[in-house]
Protein backbone atom coordinates (compact mmCIF):
# COMPACT_ATOMS: atom_id res chain seq x y z
CA MET A 1 -15.69 -38.64 -3.31
CA ILE A 2 -13.91 -35.66 -1.73
CA THR A 3 -10.37 -35.62 -0.32
CA GLN A 4 -9.06 -32.69 1.70
CA GLN A 5 -5.68 -31.06 2.29
CA GLN A 6 -4.51 -28.22 4.49
CA LEU A 7 -4.63 -24.93 2.56
CA LEU A 8 -1.72 -23.09 4.21
CA PRO A 9 1.06 -25.62 3.36
CA LEU A 10 -0.14 -25.57 -0.26
CA PHE A 11 -0.08 -21.77 -0.27
CA LYS A 12 3.49 -21.86 1.03
CA LYS A 13 4.43 -24.23 -1.82
CA PHE A 14 2.72 -21.85 -4.27
CA ILE A 15 4.93 -19.00 -3.02
CA THR A 16 8.10 -21.13 -3.08
CA GLU A 17 7.55 -22.27 -6.66
CA SER A 18 6.88 -18.67 -7.69
CA TYR A 19 10.09 -17.53 -6.01
CA LYS A 20 12.28 -20.29 -7.45
CA GLY A 21 10.97 -19.85 -10.98
CA LYS A 22 9.14 -23.19 -11.14
CA ARG A 23 5.92 -21.26 -11.62
CA LEU A 24 6.07 -18.82 -14.53
CA LYS A 25 3.79 -16.34 -16.24
CA LYS A 26 1.86 -17.46 -19.30
CA ASN A 27 4.48 -15.76 -21.49
CA GLY A 28 7.28 -17.76 -19.86
CA MET A 29 8.68 -14.88 -17.78
CA ARG A 30 9.43 -15.22 -14.07
CA ILE A 31 7.01 -13.91 -11.47
CA LYS A 32 7.94 -10.39 -10.33
CA VAL A 33 9.38 -9.88 -6.84
CA GLN A 34 6.55 -7.43 -6.03
CA SER A 35 3.96 -10.11 -6.88
CA ILE A 36 5.69 -12.62 -4.58
CA GLU A 37 5.72 -10.05 -1.78
CA ASN A 38 1.97 -9.63 -2.32
CA TYR A 39 1.50 -13.41 -2.05
CA ILE A 40 3.41 -13.40 1.25
CA SER A 41 1.17 -10.60 2.58
CA CYS A 42 -1.89 -12.58 1.52
CA GLN A 43 -0.51 -15.66 3.28
CA LYS A 44 -0.11 -13.69 6.53
CA LEU A 45 -3.71 -12.49 6.27
CA LEU A 46 -4.94 -16.06 5.77
CA ILE A 47 -2.98 -17.19 8.85
CA ASP A 48 -4.42 -14.35 10.95
CA PHE A 49 -7.92 -15.11 9.68
CA CYS A 50 -7.58 -18.80 10.51
CA LYS A 51 -6.40 -18.06 14.06
CA LEU A 52 -8.77 -15.20 14.90
CA LYS A 53 -11.92 -16.65 13.36
CA ASN A 54 -11.10 -20.31 14.00
CA PHE A 55 -12.07 -21.02 10.40
CA PRO A 56 -10.69 -24.34 9.08
CA LEU A 57 -8.79 -23.70 5.85
CA PHE A 58 -8.91 -26.73 3.60
CA ILE A 59 -8.54 -27.49 -0.07
CA TYR A 60 -11.04 -30.08 -1.24
CA GLN A 61 -10.12 -32.18 -4.23
CA VAL A 62 -13.19 -32.91 -6.33
CA LYS A 63 -13.67 -36.41 -7.69
CA GLY A 64 -16.87 -37.56 -9.31
CA HIS A 65 -20.18 -35.78 -9.74
CA ASN A 66 -22.00 -36.35 -6.46
CA LYS A 67 -24.56 -33.50 -6.25
CA ARG A 68 -24.63 -33.53 -2.45
CA GLU A 69 -20.84 -33.19 -2.24
CA HIS A 70 -20.78 -30.39 -4.80
CA ALA A 71 -23.49 -28.55 -2.87
CA ALA A 72 -21.42 -28.89 0.31
CA LEU A 73 -18.30 -27.56 -1.42
CA LYS A 74 -20.22 -24.62 -2.86
CA LYS A 75 -21.47 -23.78 0.63
CA TYR A 76 -17.98 -24.12 2.18
CA TYR A 77 -16.22 -21.86 -0.35
CA SER A 78 -19.05 -19.33 -0.24
CA GLY A 79 -18.73 -19.25 3.55
CA PHE A 80 -14.96 -18.84 3.30
CA TYR A 81 -15.28 -15.90 0.89
CA LYS A 82 -17.88 -14.09 3.02
CA SER A 83 -16.00 -14.69 6.30
CA PHE A 84 -12.58 -13.78 4.91
CA THR A 85 -13.73 -10.56 3.25
CA ARG A 86 -15.68 -9.59 6.38
CA PHE A 87 -12.48 -10.17 8.38
CA LEU A 88 -10.53 -7.89 6.01
CA TYR A 89 -13.17 -5.15 6.16
CA VAL A 90 -13.86 -5.23 9.90
CA GLU A 91 -10.80 -6.58 11.76
CA LYS A 92 -8.18 -5.26 9.32
CA ASN A 93 -10.11 -2.09 8.34
CA CYS A 94 -9.28 -2.60 4.66
CA HIS A 95 -11.05 -0.90 1.76
CA ASP A 96 -12.30 -2.26 -1.54
CA ASN A 97 -9.10 -2.00 -3.56
CA TYR A 98 -6.97 -3.81 -0.96
CA VAL A 99 -9.62 -6.47 -0.38
CA GLY A 100 -9.99 -6.90 -4.13
CA GLN A 101 -6.23 -7.33 -4.62
CA THR A 102 -6.10 -9.90 -1.81
CA ILE A 103 -8.97 -11.92 -3.29
CA LYS A 104 -7.28 -11.71 -6.70
CA GLN A 105 -4.20 -13.37 -5.17
CA VAL A 106 -6.37 -16.10 -3.64
CA ARG A 107 -7.92 -16.73 -7.06
CA THR A 108 -4.44 -16.94 -8.60
CA PHE A 109 -3.52 -19.54 -5.98
CA PHE A 110 -6.59 -21.63 -6.82
CA SER A 111 -5.82 -21.32 -10.52
CA TRP A 112 -2.33 -22.70 -9.80
CA LEU A 113 -3.85 -25.60 -7.84
CA ASN A 114 -6.03 -26.59 -10.77
CA GLN A 115 -3.64 -25.95 -13.65
CA ASP A 116 -0.18 -26.69 -12.25
CA ALA A 117 -0.45 -28.60 -8.97
CA GLY A 118 -2.89 -31.19 -10.32
CA ILE A 119 -5.47 -30.58 -7.60
CA PRO A 120 -8.93 -30.12 -9.13
CA THR A 121 -10.85 -27.94 -6.71
CA GLY A 122 -13.83 -27.27 -8.93
CA PRO A 123 -14.89 -23.86 -10.25
CA TYR A 124 -16.11 -22.46 -6.92
CA TYR A 125 -13.20 -20.03 -6.52
CA LYS A 126 -14.34 -18.24 -9.66
CA ASN A 127 -17.22 -16.87 -7.59
CA PHE A 128 -14.74 -15.00 -5.35
CA TYR A 129 -15.73 -11.54 -6.60
CA VAL A 130 -12.92 -9.01 -6.91
CA LEU A 131 -14.13 -5.57 -5.80
CA LYS A 132 -12.37 -2.54 -7.24
CA GLN A 133 -12.74 1.18 -6.81
CA GLU A 134 -11.36 3.59 -9.39
CA VAL A 135 -9.25 6.13 -7.51
CA PRO A 136 -8.82 9.60 -9.08
CA ILE A 137 -5.41 10.27 -10.61
CA ASN A 138 -3.40 13.33 -9.59
CA THR A 139 -0.83 14.89 -11.93
CA LEU A 140 1.10 18.10 -12.27
CA SER A 141 -0.27 20.68 -14.67
CA VAL A 142 1.94 22.14 -17.39
CA ASP A 143 2.18 25.38 -15.38
CA GLN A 144 3.29 23.51 -12.25
CA LEU A 145 5.95 21.63 -14.18
CA LYS A 146 7.15 24.89 -15.76
CA TYR A 147 7.39 26.38 -12.27
CA LEU A 148 9.72 23.60 -11.13
CA ILE A 149 11.85 24.06 -14.22
CA MET A 150 12.04 27.82 -14.66
CA ASP A 151 11.47 29.65 -11.38
CA GLU A 152 14.91 30.78 -10.19
CA ASP A 153 13.70 32.12 -6.83
CA PHE A 154 12.12 28.77 -6.03
CA GLU A 155 15.35 27.01 -7.01
CA LYS A 156 17.25 29.06 -4.43
CA LYS A 157 14.97 27.76 -1.65
CA LEU A 158 15.99 24.15 -2.26
CA SER A 159 18.82 22.34 -0.55
CA PRO A 160 21.34 20.48 -2.76
CA VAL A 161 19.55 17.17 -2.05
CA LEU A 162 16.15 18.62 -2.97
CA LYS A 163 17.60 20.15 -6.14
CA ARG A 164 18.87 16.73 -7.24
CA CYS A 165 15.50 15.11 -6.51
CA LYS A 166 13.71 17.87 -8.40
CA ASP A 167 15.95 17.34 -11.44
CA THR A 168 15.26 13.60 -11.42
CA PHE A 169 11.54 14.24 -11.05
CA VAL A 170 11.48 16.73 -13.94
CA PHE A 171 13.47 14.33 -16.14
CA GLY A 172 10.96 11.57 -15.28
CA CYS A 173 8.10 13.86 -16.31
CA MET A 174 9.84 14.34 -19.67
CA VAL A 175 10.32 10.63 -20.48
CA GLY A 176 7.43 8.91 -18.64
CA LEU A 177 9.46 6.05 -17.13
CA ARG A 178 8.82 4.32 -13.83
CA TYR A 179 11.25 5.19 -11.02
CA GLY A 180 12.75 1.69 -11.04
CA ASP A 181 13.55 1.99 -14.75
CA LEU A 182 14.99 5.48 -14.28
CA CYS A 183 17.33 4.18 -11.58
CA ASN A 184 18.79 1.64 -13.99
CA ILE A 185 19.52 3.85 -16.99
CA LYS A 186 23.17 4.19 -17.97
CA ASN A 187 25.13 5.87 -20.72
CA SER A 188 24.64 2.72 -22.79
CA ASN A 189 20.90 3.55 -22.88
CA LEU A 190 21.63 6.81 -24.74
CA HIS A 191 21.81 6.57 -28.53
CA SER A 192 22.63 9.27 -31.05
CA VAL A 193 20.57 9.18 -34.25
CA ASN A 194 20.85 11.93 -36.90
CA GLY A 195 22.07 14.44 -34.35
CA SER A 196 19.35 13.68 -31.77
CA ILE A 197 19.77 11.74 -28.51
CA TYR A 198 17.34 8.91 -27.71
CA LEU A 199 16.80 7.12 -24.43
CA LYS A 200 16.17 3.43 -25.07
CA VAL A 201 14.96 1.38 -22.10
CA LYS A 202 13.47 -2.07 -21.52
CA SER A 203 10.80 -1.93 -18.80
CA GLN A 204 11.46 -4.10 -15.74
CA LYS A 205 7.75 -4.50 -15.14
CA THR A 206 6.42 -5.37 -18.60
CA GLY A 207 9.55 -6.22 -20.59
CA THR A 208 8.53 -3.76 -23.34
CA GLU A 209 11.16 -1.60 -25.03
CA THR A 210 10.68 2.14 -25.40
CA SER A 211 12.68 4.78 -27.26
CA VAL A 212 12.19 8.44 -26.33
CA LYS A 213 13.80 11.41 -28.05
CA LEU A 214 15.27 13.65 -25.35
CA SER A 215 14.54 17.37 -25.28
CA SER A 216 17.22 19.99 -24.72
CA LEU A 217 15.84 20.38 -21.18
CA ALA A 218 16.33 16.66 -20.44
CA LEU A 219 19.83 16.74 -21.96
CA ASN A 220 20.78 19.75 -19.82
CA ILE A 221 19.73 17.82 -16.70
CA LEU A 222 21.89 14.86 -17.74
CA LYS A 223 24.81 17.19 -18.41
CA LYS A 224 24.67 18.46 -14.80
CA TYR A 225 25.37 14.94 -13.55
CA GLU A 226 27.67 13.62 -16.29
CA HIS A 227 30.45 13.04 -13.74
CA ASN A 228 28.36 10.53 -11.76
CA ARG A 229 30.06 7.16 -11.74
CA LYS A 230 27.17 4.85 -10.87
CA SER A 231 24.30 6.32 -12.90
CA ILE A 232 23.54 9.22 -15.20
CA LEU A 233 21.04 10.73 -12.73
CA PRO A 234 21.29 11.26 -8.95
CA PHE A 235 19.21 8.70 -7.06
CA ILE A 236 18.30 7.86 -3.49
CA ASN A 237 16.03 5.09 -2.21
CA LEU A 238 12.39 5.30 -3.22
CA ASN A 239 11.06 6.23 0.23
CA GLY A 240 13.57 9.06 0.51
CA PHE A 241 12.74 10.26 -2.99
CA ASN A 242 9.00 10.35 -2.27
CA SER A 243 9.59 12.14 1.03
CA ASN A 244 11.70 14.80 -0.71
CA LEU A 245 9.08 15.28 -3.44
CA LYS A 246 6.54 16.15 -0.77
CA LYS A 247 8.95 18.69 0.74
CA ILE A 248 9.61 20.23 -2.69
CA SER A 249 5.91 20.57 -3.51
CA GLU A 250 5.18 22.02 -0.07
CA LEU A 251 7.87 24.66 -0.65
CA ALA A 252 6.22 25.35 -4.01
CA GLY A 253 3.02 26.21 -2.13
CA TRP A 254 0.94 23.32 -3.46
CA THR A 255 -0.90 22.81 -0.20
CA TYR A 256 -4.45 23.10 -1.53
CA PRO A 257 -6.81 20.27 -0.48
CA VAL A 258 -7.53 17.21 -2.63
CA ASN A 259 -10.66 15.21 -1.79
CA PHE A 260 -10.99 11.50 -2.43
CA THR A 261 -13.33 8.71 -1.39
CA ARG A 262 -12.63 5.19 -0.24
CA SER A 263 -15.34 2.56 -0.20
CA LYS A 264 -16.06 -0.69 1.58
CA GLN A 265 -18.20 -3.33 -0.11
CA GLY A 266 -18.91 -1.21 -3.17
CA LEU A 267 -19.71 2.41 -3.87
CA ASN A 268 -23.45 1.67 -3.65
CA ASN A 269 -23.01 0.97 0.05
CA LYS A 270 -23.39 4.60 1.21
CA LYS A 271 -22.78 3.74 4.86
CA LYS A 272 -19.27 2.51 4.00
CA ILE A 273 -18.08 5.43 1.84
CA ILE A 274 -15.41 7.55 3.51
CA THR A 275 -14.52 10.96 2.08
CA THR A 276 -11.21 12.39 3.23
CA SER A 277 -9.03 15.33 2.27
CA LYS A 278 -5.27 15.62 1.84
CA ARG A 279 -2.99 18.40 0.77
CA PHE A 280 -1.90 18.08 -2.85
CA CYS A 281 1.76 18.12 -1.79
CA ASP A 282 1.15 15.05 0.39
CA CYS A 283 -0.23 13.12 -2.60
CA ILE A 284 2.90 13.49 -4.75
CA SER A 285 5.04 10.40 -5.31
CA SER A 286 7.46 9.01 -7.88
CA HIS A 287 4.63 7.54 -9.98
CA MET A 288 3.29 11.04 -10.64
CA MET A 289 6.19 11.49 -13.10
CA ARG A 290 4.72 8.85 -15.40
CA ARG A 291 1.14 10.03 -14.97
CA THR A 292 2.10 13.64 -15.65
CA CYS A 293 4.07 12.74 -18.77
CA ILE A 294 1.27 10.64 -20.29
CA THR A 295 -1.37 13.27 -19.49
CA ILE A 296 0.64 16.15 -20.96
CA MET A 297 1.41 14.16 -24.12
CA LEU A 298 -2.27 13.40 -24.67
CA THR A 299 -3.52 16.89 -23.85
CA SER A 300 -0.86 18.36 -26.15
CA GLY A 301 -2.54 16.57 -29.04
CA MET A 302 -0.20 13.59 -29.39
CA PRO A 303 -2.08 10.59 -30.90
CA GLU A 304 -3.05 7.94 -28.37
CA LEU A 305 -1.24 5.20 -30.33
CA VAL A 306 2.03 7.18 -30.20
CA VAL A 307 1.66 7.83 -26.46
CA LYS A 308 1.14 4.12 -25.82
CA LYS A 309 4.24 3.33 -27.84
CA ILE A 310 6.32 5.75 -25.78
CA SER A 311 4.86 4.66 -22.43
CA GLY A 312 5.13 0.94 -23.20
CA HIS A 313 1.38 0.22 -23.03
CA SER A 314 -0.15 -2.30 -25.42
CA ASN A 315 -2.84 -1.12 -27.85
CA ASN A 316 -5.57 -2.92 -25.86
CA SER A 317 -4.23 -1.87 -22.45
CA GLN A 318 -7.00 -1.58 -19.87
CA SER A 319 -4.83 0.43 -17.48
CA PHE A 320 -3.70 3.14 -19.92
CA PHE A 321 -6.37 5.70 -19.13
CA ARG A 322 -5.88 5.13 -15.40
CA TYR A 323 -2.74 7.24 -15.89
CA VAL A 324 -4.60 10.14 -17.48
CA ASN A 325 -5.82 13.17 -15.60
CA PHE A 326 -7.56 15.81 -17.68
CA ALA A 327 -7.24 19.04 -15.73
CA GLN A 328 -10.43 21.08 -15.32
CA ASP A 329 -9.11 23.97 -17.45
CA ILE A 330 -8.55 21.56 -20.35
CA ILE A 331 -12.06 20.13 -19.94
CA ASP A 332 -13.46 23.69 -19.85
CA LYS A 333 -11.70 24.56 -23.14
CA GLU A 334 -13.20 21.54 -24.87
CA ILE A 335 -16.66 22.33 -23.47
CA ASP A 336 -16.30 25.91 -24.73
CA LYS A 337 -15.62 24.53 -28.23
CA MET A 338 -18.94 22.68 -28.04
CA HIS A 339 -20.75 25.76 -26.74
CA ARG A 340 -19.56 27.82 -29.71
CA ASN A 341 -21.67 25.60 -31.98
CA PHE A 342 -24.76 27.22 -30.48
CA GLU A 343 -23.61 30.85 -30.27
């Protein structure tokens, strides 16, 4: 026997329970605000899909083991997955990563139905395949970072606002924190141990605690803004910060092209691979601080385990090497080492 319920009211309840803290992560922590915003975006897409495609969105509660009913449910959920992803690719012009993230949220919703809401839907949602495309990581090279730090003529080109943003960016490249965590650091996060100053922070995203010894360069940046009342670094909103970073890097002359590909329905689908080019300066954002820091630490010879400790990644983190960008000159040096074996 099969009973059905409207999907959209249940999805709204899923969001509400996530927002109010009734639904928690497996470790007991509350669902992040960013995750809830993603659920809301997914809900809007489901509403648009339902209206535009006139596709009835139901949740079927499975009772019993009637083969005919199970075959019908398998067909319905397979049809939903194919129609919804086609809608995202065609009508919404989305690419694999966005489609994959949306389907991941739908799977999370179905998991909640089965585990928390007491609505057994069967395992059909587990066949909602999550497509993902690995996007190349961009970072600053050591020479580029040195240029921001040391070039006095370049410094003179910057307005006071851009100078403050540059200082925050350089500090972020030294400590490897996310922008949100940088915005929250206070004097209470600074600890003196045996004559050295450490920055101790608990990550908002993962809850992990990190302790980073500050260099003289980082301390000099903090000293410039020691009279700030609200925070120990100058901050503006994230959009403004990212916009200023692009202006800074354009003034630095980093306008060379960066090519990247975006795929639809997998990289093997050659008809749906789009190759585009952007200027490097237009690719810079706040998250490049973290990527640059991790890459420089690794390419400087710091052990991977130590880098993970500093960056707050777990030992079995699957995302750690997504942050790493080995510049071509570093790859060439390692290849040259191999070549010397045969000379």
